[in-house]
Structures are given as C-alpha cells and as structure tokens.
C-alpha atoms as a PDB file:
ATOM      1  CA  MET A   1      14.224  21.674 -54.754  1.00  0.00           C
ATOM      2  CA  CYS A   2      13.533  21.005 -58.432  1.00  0.00           C
ATOM      3  CA  LYS A   3       9.963  21.484 -59.627  1.00  0.00           C
ATOM      4  CA  CYS A   4       7.974  20.410 -62.652  1.00  0.00           C
ATOM      5  CA  ALA A   5       9.070  20.873 -65.346  1.00  0.00           C
ATOM      6  CA  SER A   6      12.870  20.915 -65.173  1.00  0.00           C
ATOM      7  CA  PHE A   7      15.263  21.316 -68.094  1.00  0.00           C
ATOM      8  CA  VAL A   8      18.984  21.750 -68.620  1.00  0.00           C
ATOM      9  CA  ILE A   9      20.114  23.931 -71.535  1.00  0.00           C
ATOM     10  CA  THR A  10      23.479  23.559 -73.243  1.00  0.00           C
ATOM     11  CA  LYS A  11      25.002  25.671 -76.000  1.00  0.00           C
ATOM     12  CA  GLY A  12      23.050  25.623 -79.232  1.00  0.00           C
ATOM     13  CA  PRO A  13      20.714  25.909 -77.466  1.00  0.00           C
ATOM     14  CA  LYS A  14      20.008  22.238 -76.770  1.00  0.00           C
ATOM     15  CA  VAL A  15      17.385  21.322 -74.169  1.00  0.00           C
ATOM     16  CA  TRP A  16      17.592  18.171 -72.046  1.00  0.00           C
ATOM     17  CA  TRP A  17      15.001  16.531 -69.762  1.00  0.00           C
ATOM     18  CA  LEU A  18      14.086  13.122 -68.333  1.00  0.00           C
ATOM     19  CA  LEU A  19      10.873  11.114 -68.318  1.00  0.00           C
ATOM     20  CA  LYS A  20      11.208   9.709 -64.790  1.00  0.00           C
ATOM     21  CA  SER A  21      12.812  12.645 -62.985  1.00  0.00           C
ATOM     22  CA  ASP A  22      12.647  16.430 -62.722  1.00  0.00           C
ATOM     23  CA  SER A  23      15.939  16.701 -60.903  1.00  0.00           C
ATOM     24  CA  HIS A  24      18.524  18.831 -62.659  1.00  0.00           C
ATOM     25  CA  ASN A  25      21.269  16.636 -61.209  1.00  0.00           C
ATOM     26  CA  ASP A  26      19.600  13.511 -62.580  1.00  0.00           C
ATOM     27  CA  ILE A  27      19.316  15.107 -66.019  1.00  0.00           C
ATOM     28  CA  ILE A  28      22.980  16.152 -65.955  1.00  0.00           C
ATOM     29  CA  GLN A  29      24.149  12.705 -64.873  1.00  0.00           C
ATOM     30  CA  ALA A  30      21.898  10.802 -67.280  1.00  0.00           C
ATOM     31  CA  TYR A  31      23.210  12.667 -70.319  1.00  0.00           C
ATOM     32  CA  LYS A  32      26.771  13.065 -68.947  1.00  0.00           C
ATOM     33  CA  LEU A  33      26.634  16.825 -69.432  1.00  0.00           C
ATOM     34  CA  HIS A  34      29.736  18.848 -68.577  1.00  0.00           C
ATOM     35  CA  VAL A  35      28.113  21.787 -66.848  1.00  0.00           C
ATOM     36  CA  ASP A  36      31.123  23.308 -65.046  1.00  0.00           C
ATOM     37  CA  GLY A  37      33.830  24.940 -67.147  1.00  0.00           C
ATOM     38  CA  LEU A  38      37.079  26.677 -66.220  1.00  0.00           C
ATOM     39  CA  ARG A  39      35.548  30.061 -67.033  1.00  0.00           C
ATOM     40  CA  GLY A  40      32.118  29.426 -65.536  1.00  0.00           C
ATOM     41  CA  PRO A  41      29.051  27.308 -66.188  1.00  0.00           C
ATOM     42  CA  ASN A  42      28.553  25.494 -69.499  1.00  0.00           C
ATOM     43  CA  ALA A  43      24.845  24.888 -68.966  1.00  0.00           C
ATOM     44  CA  VAL A  44      21.744  26.498 -67.530  1.00  0.00           C
ATOM     45  CA  SER A  45      19.205  24.802 -65.259  1.00  0.00           C
ATOM     46  CA  VAL A  46      15.665  26.113 -65.718  1.00  0.00           C
ATOM     47  CA  GLU A  47      12.154  25.323 -64.568  1.00  0.00           C
ATOM     48  CA  ILE A  48       8.786  25.984 -66.171  1.00  0.00           C
ATOM     49  CA  SER A  49       6.082  25.522 -63.574  1.00  0.00           C
ATOM     50  CA  PRO A  50       2.443  26.518 -62.972  1.00  0.00           C
ATOM     51  CA  ASP A  51       1.096  28.674 -60.168  1.00  0.00           C
ATOM     52  CA  ASN A  52       0.540  26.716 -56.947  1.00  0.00           C
ATOM     53  CA  ASP A  53       2.065  23.656 -58.659  1.00  0.00           C
ATOM     54  CA  ASP A  54      -1.315  23.029 -60.308  1.00  0.00           C
ATOM     55  CA  LEU A  55      -0.299  20.923 -63.290  1.00  0.00           C
ATOM     56  CA  SER A  56      -3.834  21.037 -64.676  1.00  0.00           C
ATOM     57  CA  LEU A  57      -3.364  24.684 -65.681  1.00  0.00           C
ATOM     58  CA  PRO A  58      -2.695  25.312 -69.412  1.00  0.00           C
ATOM     59  CA  ILE A  59       1.034  24.995 -70.067  1.00  0.00           C
ATOM     60  CA  ASN A  60       1.120  28.328 -71.891  1.00  0.00           C
ATOM     61  CA  THR A  61       0.444  29.994 -68.510  1.00  0.00           C
ATOM     62  CA  TRP A  62       3.373  28.284 -66.759  1.00  0.00           C
ATOM     63  CA  LYS A  63       6.242  30.511 -65.613  1.00  0.00           C
ATOM     64  CA  TYR A  64       9.803  30.225 -66.935  1.00  0.00           C
ATOM     65  CA  LYS A  65      12.592  30.575 -64.358  1.00  0.00           C
ATOM     66  CA  VAL A  66      16.380  30.205 -64.403  1.00  0.00           C
ATOM     67  CA  ASP A  67      17.440  28.119 -61.408  1.00  0.00           C
ATOM     68  CA  GLN A  68      21.013  29.358 -60.964  1.00  0.00           C
ATOM     69  CA  ASP A  69      22.755  32.651 -60.268  1.00  0.00           C
ATOM     70  CA  VAL A  70      25.376  32.716 -63.047  1.00  0.00           C
ATOM     71  CA  VAL A  71      24.730  31.867 -66.712  1.00  0.00           C
ATOM     72  CA  PRO A  72      27.151  31.374 -69.658  1.00  0.00           C
ATOM     73  CA  LYS A  73      27.854  34.260 -72.046  1.00  0.00           C
ATOM     74  CA  TRP A  74      26.078  32.413 -74.872  1.00  0.00           C
ATOM     75  CA  TYR A  75      22.807  32.272 -72.905  1.00  0.00           C
ATOM     76  CA  ASN A  76      20.044  34.270 -74.581  1.00  0.00           C
ATOM     77  CA  ALA A  77      16.924  34.330 -72.412  1.00  0.00           C
ATOM     78  CA  GLU A  78      14.437  34.762 -75.271  1.00  0.00           C
ATOM     79  CA  ASP A  79      15.878  32.020 -77.487  1.00  0.00           C
ATOM     80  CA  CYS A  80      16.372  29.574 -74.635  1.00  0.00           C
ATOM     81  CA  GLU A  81      12.884  30.082 -73.252  1.00  0.00           C
ATOM     82  CA  LYS A  82      11.453  29.512 -76.727  1.00  0.00           C
ATOM     83  CA  GLU A  83      13.337  26.215 -77.059  1.00  0.00           C
ATOM     84  CA  CYS A  84      12.338  25.118 -73.551  1.00  0.00           C
ATOM     85  CA  ARG A  85       8.669  25.858 -74.165  1.00  0.00           C
ATOM     86  CA  ALA A  86       8.845  23.771 -77.342  1.00  0.00           C
ATOM     87  CA  GLU A  87      10.221  20.885 -75.253  1.00  0.00           C
ATOM     88  CA  LEU A  88       7.580  21.538 -72.589  1.00  0.00           C
ATOM     89  CA  LYS A  89       4.965  20.331 -75.080  1.00  0.00           C
ATOM     90  CA  ALA A  90       6.789  17.003 -75.380  1.00  0.00           C
ATOM     91  CA  TRP A  91       7.309  16.887 -71.611  1.00  0.00           C
ATOM     92  CA  SER A  92       3.613  17.442 -70.940  1.00  0.00           C
ATOM     93  CA  LYS A  93       2.556  14.855 -73.524  1.00  0.00           C
ATOM     94  CA  ALA A  94       4.840  12.285 -71.879  1.00  0.00           C
ATOM     95  CA  LYS A  95       3.990  13.075 -68.257  1.00  0.00           C
ATOM     96  CA  LEU A  96       0.542  14.632 -68.150  1.00  0.00           C
ATOM     97  CA  THR A  97      -1.442  12.250 -70.322  1.00  0.00           C
ATOM     98  CA  GLY A  98      -2.932   8.888 -69.414  1.00  0.00           C
ATOM     99  CA  TRP A  99      -4.180   9.949 -65.983  1.00  0.00           C
ATOM    100  CA  LYS A 100      -6.906  12.114 -64.447  1.00  0.00           C
ATOM    101  CA  LEU A 101      -4.989  15.376 -64.485  1.00  0.00           C
ATOM    102  CA  TYR A 102      -7.773  17.813 -63.641  1.00  0.00           C
ATOM    103  CA  GLU A 103      -9.211  15.672 -60.850  1.00  0.00           C
ATOM    104  CA  ALA A 104      -5.775  15.220 -59.303  1.00  0.00           C
ATOM    105  CA  PHE A 105      -5.627  18.955 -58.609  1.00  0.00           C
ATOM    106  CA  HIS A 106      -9.346  19.398 -57.946  1.00  0.00           C
ATOM    107  CA  PRO A 107     -10.028  16.178 -56.023  1.00  0.00           C
ATOM    108  CA  ILE A 108     -13.334  14.751 -54.870  1.00  0.00           C
ATOM    109  CA  ASN A 109     -13.800  14.657 -51.103  1.00  0.00           C
ATOM    110  CA  PRO A 110     -16.091  11.685 -50.310  1.00  0.00           C
ATOM    111  CA  LEU A 111     -17.227  13.222 -47.028  1.00  0.00           C
ATOM    112  CA  LYS A 112     -18.346  16.416 -48.743  1.00  0.00           C
ATOM    113  CA  ILE A 113     -20.576  14.844 -51.364  1.00  0.00           C
ATOM    114  CA  LYS A 114     -24.006  13.346 -50.875  1.00  0.00           C
ATOM    115  CA  ALA A 115     -23.580   9.626 -50.316  1.00  0.00           C
ATOM    116  CA  LYS A 116     -25.294   7.444 -52.874  1.00  0.00           C
ATOM    117  CA  GLN A 117     -28.092   5.234 -51.633  1.00  0.00           C
ATOM    118  CA  ILE A 118     -26.590   1.751 -51.825  1.00  0.00           C
ATOM    119  CA  ALA A 119     -27.979  -1.416 -50.254  1.00  0.00           C
ATOM    120  CA  LYS A 120     -26.241  -2.327 -46.995  1.00  0.00           C
ATOM    121  CA  GLU A 121     -25.502  -5.778 -48.389  1.00  0.00           C
ATOM    122  CA  THR A 122     -23.546  -4.180 -51.239  1.00  0.00           C
ATOM    123  CA  LEU A 123     -21.674  -1.833 -48.909  1.00  0.00           C
ATOM    124  CA  LEU A 124     -20.820  -4.714 -46.601  1.00  0.00           C
ATOM    125  CA  ALA A 125     -19.572  -6.791 -49.544  1.00  0.00           C
ATOM    126  CA  LEU A 126     -17.257  -3.952 -50.614  1.00  0.00           C
ATOM    127  CA  MET A 127     -15.868  -3.614 -47.079  1.00  0.00           C
ATOM    128  CA  GLN A 128     -15.318  -7.362 -46.869  1.00  0.00           C
ATOM    129  CA  GLU A 129     -13.614  -7.389 -50.256  1.00  0.00           C
ATOM    130  CA  TRP A 130     -11.284  -4.583 -49.208  1.00  0.00           C
ATOM    131  CA  ALA A 131     -10.504  -6.307 -45.896  1.00  0.00           C
ATOM    132  CA  SER A 132      -9.409  -9.341 -47.891  1.00  0.00           C
ATOM    133  CA  VAL A 133      -7.309  -7.280 -50.310  1.00  0.00           C
ATOM    134  CA  ARG A 134      -5.725  -5.257 -47.499  1.00  0.00           C
ATOM    135  CA  ALA A 135      -4.501  -8.444 -45.867  1.00  0.00           C
ATOM    136  CA  GLY A 136      -2.542  -9.215 -49.032  1.00  0.00           C
ATOM    137  CA  VAL A 137      -0.808  -5.858 -49.440  1.00  0.00           C
ATOM    138  CA  ARG A 138       2.766  -6.374 -48.282  1.00  0.00           C
ATOM    139  CA  ASP A 139       3.338  -2.732 -47.319  1.00  0.00           C
ATOM    140  CA  SER A 140       0.938   0.170 -46.926  1.00  0.00           C
ATOM    141  CA  VAL A 141      -1.316   1.318 -49.746  1.00  0.00           C
ATOM    142  CA  GLY A 142       0.583   4.615 -49.726  1.00  0.00           C
ATOM    143  CA  ASP A 143       3.921   2.836 -50.253  1.00  0.00           C
ATOM    144  CA  SER A 144       2.523   0.864 -53.171  1.00  0.00           C
ATOM    145  CA  VAL A 145       0.956   3.919 -54.801  1.00  0.00           C
ATOM    146  CA  ARG A 146       4.008   6.149 -54.310  1.00  0.00           C
ATOM    147  CA  ALA A 147       6.371   3.606 -55.834  1.00  0.00           C
ATOM    148  CA  SER A 148       4.065   2.758 -58.729  1.00  0.00           C
ATOM    149  CA  VAL A 149       3.259   6.371 -59.630  1.00  0.00           C
ATOM    150  CA  ARG A 150       6.935   7.314 -59.333  1.00  0.00           C
ATOM    151  CA  ASP A 151       7.839   4.703 -61.931  1.00  0.00           C
ATOM    152  CA  SER A 152       4.992   5.874 -64.164  1.00  0.00           C
ATOM    153  CA  VAL A 153       5.436   9.656 -64.230  1.00  0.00           C
ATOM    154  CA  GLY A 154       8.380  10.534 -61.990  1.00  0.00           C
ATOM    155  CA  VAL A 155       8.846  11.817 -58.459  1.00  0.00           C
ATOM    156  CA  SER A 156       7.948  15.467 -59.008  1.00  0.00           C
ATOM    157  CA  VAL A 157       4.589  14.732 -60.622  1.00  0.00           C
ATOM    158  CA  ARG A 158       3.850  12.104 -57.986  1.00  0.00           C
ATOM    159  CA  ASP A 159       4.643  14.483 -55.133  1.00  0.00           C
ATOM    160  CA  SER A 160       2.633  17.304 -56.701  1.00  0.00           C
ATOM    161  CA  VAL A 161      -0.408  15.054 -56.991  1.00  0.00           C
ATOM    162  CA  GLY A 162       0.096  13.668 -53.487  1.00  0.00           C
ATOM    163  CA  ASP A 163       0.370  17.146 -52.014  1.00  0.00           C
ATOM    164  CA  SER A 164      -2.704  18.344 -53.876  1.00  0.00           C
ATOM    165  CA  VAL A 165      -4.924  15.450 -52.814  1.00  0.00           C
ATOM    166  CA  GLY A 166      -3.420  15.406 -49.342  1.00  0.00           C
ATOM    167  CA  ASP A 167      -3.985  19.097 -48.705  1.00  0.00           C
ATOM    168  CA  SER A 168      -7.514  19.046 -50.085  1.00  0.00           C
ATOM    169  CA  VAL A 169      -8.772  15.751 -48.699  1.00  0.00           C
ATOM    170  CA  ARG A 170      -6.528  14.262 -46.023  1.00  0.00           C
ATOM    171  CA  ASP A 171      -7.145  16.780 -43.258  1.00  0.00           C
ATOM    172  CA  SER A 172     -10.888  16.735 -43.803  1.00  0.00           C
ATOM    173  CA  VAL A 173     -11.094  12.937 -43.716  1.00  0.00           C
ATOM    174  CA  ARG A 174      -8.753  12.729 -40.743  1.00  0.00           C
ATOM    175  CA  ASP A 175     -10.626  15.253 -38.631  1.00  0.00           C
ATOM    176  CA  SER A 176     -14.011  13.763 -39.471  1.00  0.00           C
ATOM    177  CA  VAL A 177     -12.950  10.198 -38.691  1.00  0.00           C
ATOM    178  CA  TRP A 178     -11.390  11.400 -35.426  1.00  0.00           C
ATOM    179  CA  ASP A 179     -14.701  12.922 -34.375  1.00  0.00           C
ATOM    180  CA  SER A 180     -16.510   9.762 -35.375  1.00  0.00           C
ATOM    181  CA  VAL A 181     -14.406   6.999 -33.770  1.00  0.00           C
ATOM    182  CA  GLY A 182     -12.849   8.872 -30.849  1.00  0.00           C
ATOM    183  CA  TYR A 183      -9.407   8.697 -29.257  1.00  0.00           C
ATOM    184  CA  SER A 184      -9.413   5.050 -28.171  1.00  0.00           C
ATOM    185  CA  ALA A 185      -9.731   3.731 -31.734  1.00  0.00           C
ATOM    186  CA  TRP A 186      -7.895   6.555 -33.455  1.00  0.00           C
ATOM    187  CA  ASP A 187      -4.480   5.153 -34.488  1.00  0.00           C
ATOM    188  CA  ARG A 188      -5.673   2.080 -36.338  1.00  0.00           C
ATOM    189  CA  ALA A 189      -8.814   3.742 -37.607  1.00  0.00           C
ATOM    190  CA  TRP A 190      -6.846   6.573 -39.196  1.00  0.00           C
ATOM    191  CA  ASP A 191      -4.291   4.177 -40.659  1.00  0.00           C
ATOM    192  CA  SER A 192      -7.057   2.289 -42.448  1.00  0.00           C
ATOM    193  CA  ALA A 193      -8.907   5.470 -43.463  1.00  0.00           C
ATOM    194  CA  TRP A 194      -5.649   6.813 -44.917  1.00  0.00           C
ATOM    195  CA  ASP A 195      -5.665   3.737 -47.187  1.00  0.00           C
ATOM    196  CA  SER A 196      -8.659   5.290 -48.932  1.00  0.00           C
ATOM    197  CA  VAL A 197      -6.718   8.482 -49.652  1.00  0.00           C
ATOM    198  CA  GLY A 198      -3.795   6.469 -51.024  1.00  0.00           C
ATOM    199  CA  ALA A 199      -6.109   4.329 -53.124  1.00  0.00           C
ATOM    200  CA  TYR A 200      -7.799   7.464 -54.484  1.00  0.00           C
ATOM    201  CA  ILE A 201      -4.432   8.831 -55.597  1.00  0.00           C
ATOM    202  CA  GLY A 202      -3.675   5.491 -57.236  1.00  0.00           C
ATOM    203  CA  GLY A 203      -7.042   5.535 -58.983  1.00  0.00           C
ATOM    204  CA  LEU A 204      -6.067   8.783 -60.685  1.00  0.00           C
ATOM    205  CA  PHE A 205      -3.527   6.779 -62.716  1.00  0.00           C
ATOM    206  CA  PRO A 206      -5.553   4.166 -64.642  1.00  0.00           C
ATOM    207  CA  ASN A 207      -2.600   3.611 -66.982  1.00  0.00           C
ATOM    208  CA  ILE A 208      -0.789   1.733 -64.185  1.00  0.00           C
ATOM    209  CA  THR A 209      -1.615  -1.960 -64.459  1.00  0.00           C
ATOM    210  CA  GLU A 210       0.916  -3.423 -62.027  1.00  0.00           C
ATOM    211  CA  TRP A 211       1.088  -2.101 -58.479  1.00  0.00           C
ATOM    212  CA  LYS A 212       4.181  -2.454 -56.319  1.00  0.00           C
ATOM    213  CA  TYR A 213       4.144  -4.619 -53.186  1.00  0.00           C
ATOM    214  CA  THR A 214       0.660  -6.061 -53.772  1.00  0.00           C
ATOM    215  CA  LYS A 215       1.614  -9.736 -54.069  1.00  0.00           C
ATOM    216  CA  ASN A 216      -0.006 -10.154 -57.460  1.00  0.00           C
ATOM    217  CA  LEU A 217      -3.402  -8.894 -56.345  1.00  0.00           C
ATOM    218  CA  GLY A 218      -4.279  -7.979 -59.907  1.00  0.00           C
ATOM    219  CA  PRO A 219      -4.384  -4.761 -61.939  1.00  0.00           C
ATOM    220  CA  ASP A 220      -7.204  -3.196 -59.898  1.00  0.00           C
ATOM    221  CA  PRO A 221      -6.602  -3.846 -56.175  1.00  0.00           C
ATOM    222  CA  TRP A 222      -8.036  -0.493 -55.080  1.00  0.00           C
ATOM    223  CA  ARG A 223     -11.441  -1.016 -56.737  1.00  0.00           C
ATOM    224  CA  PRO A 224     -13.445  -1.605 -53.491  1.00  0.00           C
ATOM    225  CA  LEU A 225     -12.088   1.596 -51.915  1.00  0.00           C
ATOM    226  CA  LEU A 226     -12.567   3.615 -55.093  1.00  0.00           C
ATOM    227  CA  THR A 227     -16.144   2.399 -55.490  1.00  0.00           C
ATOM    228  CA  LEU A 228     -16.872   3.485 -51.922  1.00  0.00           C
ATOM    229  CA  TRP A 229     -14.982   6.798 -52.330  1.00  0.00           C
ATOM    230  CA  TYR A 230     -16.912   7.931 -55.395  1.00  0.00           C
ATOM    231  CA  ALA A 231     -20.140   6.871 -53.705  1.00  0.00           C
ATOM    232  CA  GLY A 232     -19.352   9.037 -50.652  1.00  0.00           C
ATOM    233  CA  TYR A 233     -18.060   6.465 -48.155  1.00  0.00           C
ATOM    234  CA  VAL A 234     -14.797   5.917 -46.249  1.00  0.00           C
ATOM    235  CA  PRO A 235     -14.110   2.697 -44.296  1.00  0.00           C
ATOM    236  CA  SER A 236     -12.040   2.498 -41.115  1.00  0.00           C
ATOM    237  CA  PHE A 237     -10.793  -0.428 -39.017  1.00  0.00           C
ATOM    238  CA  ASP A 238      -9.752  -0.225 -35.366  1.00  0.00           C
ATOM    239  CA  GLY A 239      -8.273  -3.706 -35.214  1.00  0.00           C
ATOM    240  CA  THR A 240     -11.546  -5.289 -34.178  1.00  0.00           C
ATOM    241  CA  LYS A 241     -14.401  -3.617 -36.005  1.00  0.00           C
ATOM    242  CA  TRP A 242     -14.834  -2.157 -39.477  1.00  0.00           C
ATOM    243  CA  ARG A 243     -16.895   1.002 -39.799  1.00  0.00           C
ATOM    244  CA  LEU A 244     -18.208   2.798 -42.841  1.00  0.00           C
ATOM    245  CA  HIS A 245     -18.372   6.609 -42.636  1.00  0.00           C
ATOM    246  CA  ALA A 246     -20.339   9.132 -44.690  1.00  0.00           C
ATOM    247  CA  GLY A 247     -21.107  12.847 -44.592  1.00  0.00           C
ATOM    248  CA  LYS A 248     -19.237  15.875 -43.247  1.00  0.00           C
ATOM    249  CA  LYS A 249     -19.141  14.441 -39.719  1.00  0.00           C
ATOM    250  CA  ALA A 250     -18.137  10.978 -40.947  1.00  0.00           C
ATOM    251  CA  LYS A 251     -21.259   9.467 -39.471  1.00  0.00           C
ATOM    252  CA  ILE A 252     -21.022   5.715 -38.986  1.00  0.00           C
ATOM    253  CA  VAL A 253     -23.560   4.157 -41.350  1.00  0.00           C
ATOM    254  CA  LEU A 254     -22.448   0.529 -41.136  1.00  0.00           C
ATOM    255  CA  GLU A 255     -20.389  -1.625 -38.785  1.00  0.00           C
ATOM    256  CA  TRP A 256     -18.947  -5.096 -39.291  1.00  0.00           C
ATOM    257  CA  THR A 257     -16.903  -7.307 -36.985  1.00  0.00           C
ATOM    258  CA  PRO A 258     -15.001  -9.965 -38.962  1.00  0.00           C
END
C-alpha cells in the first residue's frame, strides 16, 4: 500500500507526484509514464514517510524508501533522493498547509479534558441545533467528511488523519459511551456519538467550505458538535432521547427528548 509521500522517478532524474493521490499507479497513469521497458524498469517508485505515519513531524526527519525490488541502471540513490526531497517541500506545502496538522496527529479527547462550565440552556440549544442539522445530512457525517477531505488533500492524507484520530479518540469515546448508556441503547447511541468523531476530523480542515452530501447545510455544518467537543462534551441519541456526556466515564450531564 502506498504511503505519504509517494513519488515516481524517471531518467534525468525527473520526479513526479500528484496533488490528490499518493498512489504510484495513479501517478504513472496521470502522466502516462512508460515504466516497463524490454530490459527492465524505466522508472522507480519511492516513498518518503514519517515514523508512525505522523505527518506533523518535520519533513527532514522523514525516511526515504525505494518501493520496488529492481531499479534501472541509471538510478543513483543519492541523486534521486536529493531530487525527491526537493519535491517533498512542494508536496508538503500543497498537502500539509491549510489545516490543523499538529492537532490531527495529537488530537483532543473531549472526555479526557475538564468540561467547561456552560449554562444548560446553551448546551441544550447546541444539542437541538445539531439534531436539526443531522436530520439534513443525506449520508453519515463520516461519509461526508471522508469524501470532502479526500478531494481536498487526497486519500493517503485523509486516511492517515482518520487513523490517528480514530486510534487516539474513537476507542475511548466508544467505551465510555457504552458504559454510560448500556447495551439496550448502544447501537444508535454509538452511531450518533461517532458523528462527533467524524465532525472533529472535519473541523481539522477549515479550508473546506463545501461538504459533500450535506444538502446545502452551509460551510460550517459541524459547528454545534465542534463547540461541544472543545468544551468537553459528546452527545448521543438512542432514537428517543438525546444525552450529553462529559468526563472519563462519559457521565450523562443533560438529557433531552425531542
């Protein structure tokens, strides 16, 4: 599987990459590169990636790797790596700017921070606003965010961010909400709580102003969830009742039946 950042090198050396994809095959097809010759390969697929896929690490610490077994006779590792690292600066400027890079790989967990003291009327209004917005989202929040972020920075960056936030936050939120609402309300409650994780990922990309599948809900449909998230709250809905959770054990601090 291709990783960030992927490049294809041809004789020269000339380095090729794409804005919306880190697939070597996509790069080859987009530029119509002839990579297979009668006497062996005409090109070299390489990756320059950070430890643990943490894109927030300085790019000068990222590791260079050839992603194929056989290379052309003209391939010089030192020269080609130098050219690729020069292109990595352009790659990073195109893909790693305009969004909250550091936070994406060191995410905030709302259930592990001290919840802000907010009037119940304000919390209720935010839950009600999100309930209204959620009814207008054609597909899931996750589907909207995945498609929108993919079009903004490409699949590999999107998946890296999703994995980072998911690994750091998802399991904690899931387990805490489970303990809070119990088995009988679990499926729907988790589905709605997962919306908060998806919205948080979307909020890391403020450069996106049009979200997929949201039926023209505006440039900021995730605002109620993000406001609650950064304040230390996660809402859930079991099909009948909305609940607002806070703290490590996802204590229910507010309930509302529409």
